[in-house]
Amino acid sequence: MRPLAGPGRNREPNRELERELIRDVLASLSEKQSTWRAAEIVREAAPLIPAGDMTAVEAVDAAEQIRQTIEDGYLVDLTRPAPTGTRLRRDGRPITESALDRILTTPEILAQEERLVTLAERRAREGTDRGAVPRTEHLDPSQREAAEAVAGGRALVLVVGPTGAGKTATLRPAVDELRRSGRQVFGVAPSAAAAEVLADETGVAADTLDKLLIEHRLQRPPQPQYDLPAGTTVLVDEAGMVSTPQLAELFDLADRRRWRLALVGDPLQFAAVGRSGMFGHLVDTVGACELDRIHRFDAEWARRQPPSPTGRHVGR
């Protein structure tokens, strides 16, 4: 193997080119997923290598060299340790390890996800538990529990439910109760269409999550409708489709501004495009209110179907 180099057969190693390529590979991988395997590093690196007059063997060697450099200097190995006494290959890996066994990530991704979990655990313990939702509202027991949690004072509330479980019907009385008590509510969703539906069906002012985050990144005060006071409840609809970087940024922003967060979604629905999956992890970590009855369907047999084909158990 030889290092990446400039043009010509007598090429000198081009360390700046190599560093730039490594940055691009890591950025691409980090945008797509939280962990990856060695072959995925090669897959990302290969198209970026300026092959020039390299032979096919040299191009493959260059991609492998980039993979090795990235593994050695930039990544954390999350692979489960091999049992004591396991024979090792020449490269120092256990002979029982397949290419699919190794799991790699970056320290930055680990730190971001660990902070997100830490914030969630702390904020899920802050504040009072339940608000009062009028009994005149036609809610089943699980919907009432979730509505009272959203209308309460807990700094973080998670609500999960499959399609047809009445998530919107649950949010509407919670929003009404928050307003009756003089508390501000703002809604966000991953897309403009979802934000519009949230606004129409609950009556809450809503916009995309991107817009709220961007307003607080700019080198100027946010526009008045996004300059939410401390104590505001921010409803996040379709939370399972929010990417991990967005969720981490929202949690940091809410912590600084002292907003409550109520995340509503289904961890089993389509995930965000890019690095995601933290909503489901937070549900498993801090617990959630689970909507366990299907309301949308007319036939009795359809309503009796279990809400989750995986039998997922969600703690409360």
Protein backbone atom coordinates (compact mmCIF):
# COMPACT_ATOMS: atom_id res chain seq x y z
CA MET A 1 0.00 0.00 0.00
CA ARG A 2 1.14 3.54 -0.61
CA PRO A 3 -0.31 6.85 0.59
CA LEU A 4 -2.55 9.05 -1.54
CA ALA A 5 -0.39 11.19 -3.74
CA GLY A 6 -0.41 13.81 -6.43
CA PRO A 7 -0.27 13.06 -10.17
CA GLY A 8 2.59 11.24 -11.83
CA ARG A 9 4.31 7.94 -11.24
CA ASN A 10 6.89 9.43 -8.81
CA ARG A 11 4.24 10.86 -6.54
CA GLU A 12 4.84 12.30 -3.12
CA PRO A 13 2.28 11.60 -0.39
CA ASN A 14 -0.44 14.27 -0.26
CA ARG A 15 -1.36 14.46 3.43
CA GLU A 16 -3.75 17.38 2.97
CA LEU A 17 -5.69 15.41 0.35
CA GLU A 18 -5.83 12.46 2.71
CA ARG A 19 -7.09 14.60 5.62
CA GLU A 20 -9.75 16.17 3.39
CA LEU A 21 -10.89 12.77 2.18
CA ILE A 22 -11.10 11.47 5.76
CA ARG A 23 -13.21 14.50 6.79
CA ASP A 24 -15.58 13.88 3.87
CA VAL A 25 -15.92 10.18 4.65
CA LEU A 26 -16.65 10.78 8.33
CA ALA A 27 -19.13 13.57 7.55
CA SER A 28 -21.01 11.37 5.10
CA LEU A 29 -21.14 8.39 7.46
CA SER A 30 -22.13 10.51 10.47
CA GLU A 31 -24.98 12.10 8.56
CA LYS A 32 -26.48 8.73 7.62
CA GLN A 33 -26.22 6.58 10.75
CA SER A 34 -24.82 6.33 14.27
CA THR A 35 -22.67 3.24 13.78
CA TRP A 36 -21.15 1.48 10.80
CA ARG A 37 -18.93 -1.39 9.78
CA ALA A 38 -15.49 -1.40 8.18
CA ALA A 39 -16.86 -2.20 4.73
CA GLU A 40 -19.08 0.88 4.88
CA ILE A 41 -16.01 3.07 5.40
CA VAL A 42 -14.45 1.57 2.27
CA ARG A 43 -17.73 2.11 0.39
CA GLU A 44 -17.72 5.81 1.26
CA ALA A 45 -14.00 6.30 0.63
CA ALA A 46 -13.67 4.52 -2.73
CA PRO A 47 -15.60 7.04 -4.91
CA LEU A 48 -13.70 9.96 -3.34
CA ILE A 49 -10.20 8.67 -4.09
CA PRO A 50 -8.66 10.46 -7.11
CA ALA A 51 -7.51 7.26 -8.79
CA GLY A 52 -5.67 9.02 -11.64
CA ASP A 53 -3.21 6.52 -13.07
CA MET A 54 -3.60 4.06 -10.17
CA THR A 55 -4.03 0.44 -11.06
CA ALA A 56 -7.16 -1.32 -9.75
CA VAL A 57 -5.06 -2.98 -7.06
CA GLU A 58 -3.60 0.37 -5.97
CA ALA A 59 -7.08 1.96 -5.82
CA VAL A 60 -8.35 -0.86 -3.61
CA ASP A 61 -5.24 -0.54 -1.43
CA ALA A 62 -5.81 3.22 -1.13
CA ALA A 63 -9.40 2.71 0.03
CA GLU A 64 -8.23 0.14 2.58
CA GLN A 65 -5.51 2.52 3.74
CA ILE A 66 -8.09 5.25 4.34
CA ARG A 67 -10.28 2.77 6.23
CA GLN A 68 -7.37 1.73 8.44
CA THR A 69 -6.34 5.33 9.11
CA ILE A 70 -9.91 6.26 10.07
CA GLU A 71 -10.32 3.21 12.31
CA ASP A 72 -7.00 3.78 14.07
CA GLY A 73 -7.25 7.51 14.64
CA TYR A 74 -10.86 8.67 14.53
CA LEU A 75 -13.26 5.97 15.70
CA VAL A 76 -14.45 4.18 18.81
CA ASP A 77 -14.83 0.41 18.53
CA LEU A 78 -18.11 -0.73 20.12
CA THR A 79 -17.62 -4.38 19.23
CA ARG A 80 -18.29 -6.80 22.05
CA PRO A 81 -14.98 -8.10 23.46
CA ALA A 82 -14.00 -11.62 22.49
CA PRO A 83 -13.94 -14.20 25.29
CA THR A 84 -10.61 -14.69 27.02
CA GLY A 85 -8.49 -17.27 25.25
CA THR A 86 -10.00 -16.75 21.79
CA ARG A 87 -7.45 -17.27 19.05
CA LEU A 88 -6.54 -14.16 17.10
CA ARG A 89 -5.91 -13.58 13.41
CA ARG A 90 -2.80 -11.90 12.07
CA ASP A 91 -4.57 -8.51 12.24
CA GLY A 92 -5.24 -9.01 15.96
CA ARG A 93 -9.00 -9.64 15.56
CA PRO A 94 -10.61 -12.84 16.92
CA ILE A 95 -10.81 -15.68 14.40
CA THR A 96 -14.52 -16.02 15.31
CA GLU A 97 -15.33 -12.42 14.31
CA SER A 98 -17.13 -11.85 11.02
CA ALA A 99 -17.13 -8.64 9.01
CA LEU A 100 -20.62 -7.91 10.36
CA ASP A 101 -19.61 -8.19 14.03
CA ARG A 102 -17.54 -5.01 14.23
CA ILE A 103 -19.42 -1.84 15.21
CA LEU A 104 -17.71 1.53 14.92
CA THR A 105 -18.67 5.13 15.66
CA THR A 106 -17.10 8.49 16.45
CA PRO A 107 -16.50 10.04 19.88
CA GLU A 108 -18.63 13.00 18.78
CA ILE A 109 -21.67 10.82 18.05
CA LEU A 110 -21.27 8.99 21.35
CA ALA A 111 -21.02 12.28 23.24
CA GLN A 112 -24.08 13.72 21.51
CA GLU A 113 -26.24 10.69 22.21
CA GLU A 114 -25.03 10.37 25.80
CA ARG A 115 -25.85 14.04 26.45
CA LEU A 116 -29.29 13.57 24.92
CA VAL A 117 -30.02 10.63 27.22
CA THR A 118 -28.64 12.51 30.25
CA LEU A 119 -30.86 15.52 29.54
CA ALA A 120 -33.90 13.28 29.00
CA GLU A 121 -33.35 11.41 32.26
CA ARG A 122 -32.99 14.63 34.22
CA ARG A 123 -35.89 16.48 32.63
CA ALA A 124 -38.23 13.47 32.92
CA ARG A 125 -37.86 13.81 36.71
CA GLU A 126 -38.43 17.59 36.85
CA GLY A 127 -41.82 19.13 37.58
CA THR A 128 -45.20 17.87 38.69
CA ASP A 129 -46.76 14.83 37.13
CA ARG A 130 -50.35 15.34 35.95
CA GLY A 131 -52.64 18.14 34.82
CA ALA A 132 -56.43 18.17 34.99
CA VAL A 133 -58.36 17.29 31.82
CA PRO A 134 -62.17 17.67 32.04
CA ARG A 135 -64.09 14.40 32.29
CA THR A 136 -66.39 15.64 29.55
CA GLU A 137 -63.65 14.80 27.06
CA HIS A 138 -64.27 11.43 25.39
CA LEU A 139 -60.96 9.75 26.04
CA ASP A 140 -60.11 6.15 26.78
CA PRO A 141 -57.98 5.53 29.90
CA SER A 142 -54.65 5.54 28.05
CA GLN A 143 -55.55 8.73 26.16
CA ARG A 144 -56.60 10.43 29.41
CA GLU A 145 -53.34 9.45 31.09
CA ALA A 146 -51.33 10.88 28.17
CA ALA A 147 -53.43 14.07 27.97
CA GLU A 148 -53.02 14.70 31.69
CA ALA A 149 -49.26 14.17 31.38
CA VAL A 150 -48.98 16.65 28.48
CA ALA A 151 -51.14 19.16 30.42
CA GLY A 152 -49.09 18.66 33.58
CA GLY A 153 -45.81 20.14 34.71
CA ARG A 154 -43.29 17.43 33.96
CA ALA A 155 -40.42 18.94 31.94
CA LEU A 156 -40.36 16.00 29.51
CA VAL A 157 -43.30 13.85 28.44
CA LEU A 158 -43.16 11.07 25.84
CA VAL A 159 -46.33 9.69 24.24
CA VAL A 160 -46.27 6.71 21.90
CA GLY A 161 -49.01 5.12 19.86
CA PRO A 162 -49.52 3.43 16.49
CA THR A 163 -51.50 4.85 13.60
CA GLY A 164 -55.16 5.17 14.57
CA ALA A 165 -54.58 5.29 18.32
CA GLY A 166 -55.91 8.84 18.61
CA LYS A 167 -52.75 10.83 19.24
CA THR A 168 -54.35 14.04 17.95
CA ALA A 169 -57.54 13.47 19.96
CA THR A 170 -55.29 13.12 22.98
CA LEU A 171 -53.39 16.35 22.33
CA ARG A 172 -56.42 18.58 21.74
CA PRO A 173 -57.80 18.54 25.32
CA ALA A 174 -54.24 18.80 26.70
CA VAL A 175 -53.66 21.97 24.63
CA ASP A 176 -57.02 23.37 25.77
CA GLU A 177 -56.14 22.73 29.41
CA LEU A 178 -52.71 24.35 29.09
CA ARG A 179 -54.32 27.43 27.58
CA ARG A 180 -57.03 27.54 30.25
CA SER A 181 -54.30 27.68 32.85
CA GLY A 182 -52.54 30.53 31.04
CA ARG A 183 -49.61 28.47 29.77
CA GLN A 184 -48.16 28.93 26.29
CA VAL A 185 -48.06 26.05 23.79
CA PHE A 186 -46.20 25.78 20.48
CA GLY A 187 -46.14 22.85 18.06
CA VAL A 188 -43.43 21.57 15.76
CA ALA A 189 -43.20 18.67 13.31
CA PRO A 190 -40.56 17.35 10.89
CA SER A 191 -42.41 18.65 7.81
CA ALA A 192 -44.56 21.64 6.90
CA ALA A 193 -47.46 19.32 6.02
CA ALA A 194 -47.31 17.60 9.42
CA ALA A 195 -47.08 20.96 11.19
CA GLU A 196 -50.16 22.18 9.32
CA VAL A 197 -52.12 19.09 10.33
CA LEU A 198 -51.01 19.54 13.96
CA ALA A 199 -52.18 23.17 13.90
CA ASP A 200 -55.52 22.36 12.24
CA GLU A 201 -56.39 19.47 14.53
CA THR A 202 -55.27 20.89 17.87
CA GLY A 203 -55.57 24.64 17.32
CA VAL A 204 -51.97 25.20 18.41
CA ALA A 205 -49.61 27.55 16.56
CA ALA A 206 -47.16 25.25 14.77
CA ASP A 207 -44.26 25.24 12.33
CA THR A 208 -41.46 22.93 11.27
CA LEU A 209 -38.84 21.93 13.80
CA ASP A 210 -36.17 23.20 11.40
CA LYS A 211 -37.68 26.69 11.47
CA LEU A 212 -37.73 26.85 15.28
CA LEU A 213 -34.12 25.67 15.51
CA ILE A 214 -32.88 28.01 12.77
CA GLU A 215 -34.51 31.01 14.44
CA HIS A 216 -32.42 30.32 17.56
CA ARG A 217 -29.17 29.77 15.62
CA LEU A 218 -29.09 33.12 13.87
CA GLN A 219 -27.00 36.06 15.03
CA ARG A 220 -30.13 38.03 15.91
CA PRO A 221 -33.06 37.57 18.31
CA PRO A 222 -35.64 35.07 17.06
CA GLN A 223 -38.82 36.42 15.51
CA PRO A 224 -41.53 37.00 18.16
CA GLN A 225 -43.56 33.86 17.37
CA TYR A 226 -40.47 31.72 17.98
CA ASP A 227 -39.17 33.63 20.99
CA LEU A 228 -41.01 31.35 23.40
CA PRO A 229 -40.94 32.23 27.11
CA ALA A 230 -39.75 29.89 29.85
CA GLY A 231 -42.41 27.37 30.75
CA THR A 232 -43.75 27.04 27.19
CA THR A 233 -44.81 23.52 26.26
CA VAL A 234 -43.32 22.58 22.89
CA LEU A 235 -45.31 19.74 21.28
CA VAL A 236 -43.23 17.64 18.90
CA ASP A 237 -45.46 15.59 16.60
CA GLU A 238 -44.12 12.68 14.54
CA ALA A 239 -41.16 12.58 16.93
CA GLY A 240 -40.02 9.20 15.59
CA MET A 241 -39.13 10.94 12.32
CA VAL A 242 -36.88 13.56 13.93
CA SER A 243 -33.17 13.01 13.28
CA THR A 244 -30.77 12.60 16.19
CA PRO A 245 -28.88 15.88 15.51
CA GLN A 246 -32.18 17.79 15.46
CA LEU A 247 -33.42 16.09 18.62
CA ALA A 248 -30.14 16.85 20.42
CA GLU A 249 -30.27 20.49 19.34
CA LEU A 250 -33.90 20.80 20.48
CA PHE A 251 -33.14 19.27 23.89
CA ASP A 252 -30.22 21.65 24.41
CA LEU A 253 -32.32 24.63 23.33
CA ALA A 254 -35.26 23.62 25.55
CA ASP A 255 -32.92 23.15 28.49
CA ARG A 256 -31.42 26.63 28.02
CA ARG A 257 -34.77 28.31 27.49
CA ARG A 258 -36.56 26.21 30.16
CA TRP A 259 -39.26 24.94 27.82
CA ARG A 260 -41.24 21.81 28.51
CA LEU A 261 -41.08 19.15 25.79
CA ALA A 262 -43.89 16.75 24.86
CA LEU A 263 -42.76 14.29 22.18
CA VAL A 264 -45.50 12.32 20.44
CA GLY A 265 -44.90 9.60 17.89
CA ASP A 266 -44.42 5.97 17.00
CA PRO A 267 -40.89 4.53 17.26
CA LEU A 268 -41.91 1.82 14.78
CA GLN A 269 -42.92 4.18 11.96
CA PHE A 270 -40.60 5.29 9.17
CA ALA A 271 -37.50 6.89 10.68
CA ALA A 272 -35.94 10.18 9.68
CA VAL A 273 -33.76 10.37 6.62
CA GLY A 274 -30.30 10.19 8.15
CA ARG A 275 -29.10 9.42 11.65
CA SER A 276 -32.07 8.69 13.87
CA GLY A 277 -33.64 6.20 16.29
CA MET A 278 -33.16 8.18 19.51
CA PHE A 279 -36.89 8.70 20.12
CA GLY A 280 -37.35 4.96 20.54
CA HIS A 281 -34.26 4.77 22.71
CA LEU A 282 -35.58 7.55 24.97
CA VAL A 283 -38.91 5.73 25.26
CA ASP A 284 -37.06 2.64 26.43
CA THR A 285 -34.85 4.68 28.77
CA VAL A 286 -37.24 7.08 30.53
CA GLY A 287 -40.63 5.52 29.78
CA ALA A 288 -43.69 6.89 28.03
CA CYS A 289 -47.45 7.08 28.05
CA GLU A 290 -48.64 4.43 25.62
CA LEU A 291 -51.86 4.74 23.65
CA ASP A 292 -52.92 1.13 23.47
CA ARG A 293 -56.29 1.17 21.71
CA ILE A 294 -56.99 1.65 17.99
CA HIS A 295 -59.80 4.16 17.35
CA ARG A 296 -59.54 5.00 13.68
CA PHE A 297 -61.10 1.83 12.25
CA ASP A 298 -64.80 1.09 12.18
CA ALA A 299 -64.79 -2.72 12.24
CA GLU A 300 -64.65 -4.29 15.68
CA TRP A 301 -62.09 -6.88 14.54
CA ALA A 302 -59.76 -4.08 13.33
CA ARG A 303 -59.98 -2.22 16.64
CA ARG A 304 -59.05 -5.40 18.50
CA GLN A 305 -55.75 -5.79 16.64
CA PRO A 306 -52.67 -5.30 18.87
CA PRO A 307 -51.14 -1.85 18.40
CA SER A 308 -47.62 -3.15 17.87
CA PRO A 309 -46.79 -6.21 15.73
CA THR A 310 -43.56 -6.57 17.70
CA GLY A 311 -45.33 -6.67 21.06
CA ARG A 312 -43.25 -3.71 22.20
CA HIS A 313 -43.70 -3.03 25.91
CA VAL A 314 -43.41 0.61 26.88
CA GLY A 315 -42.98 1.61 30.50
CA ARG A 316 -44.98 4.45 32.04
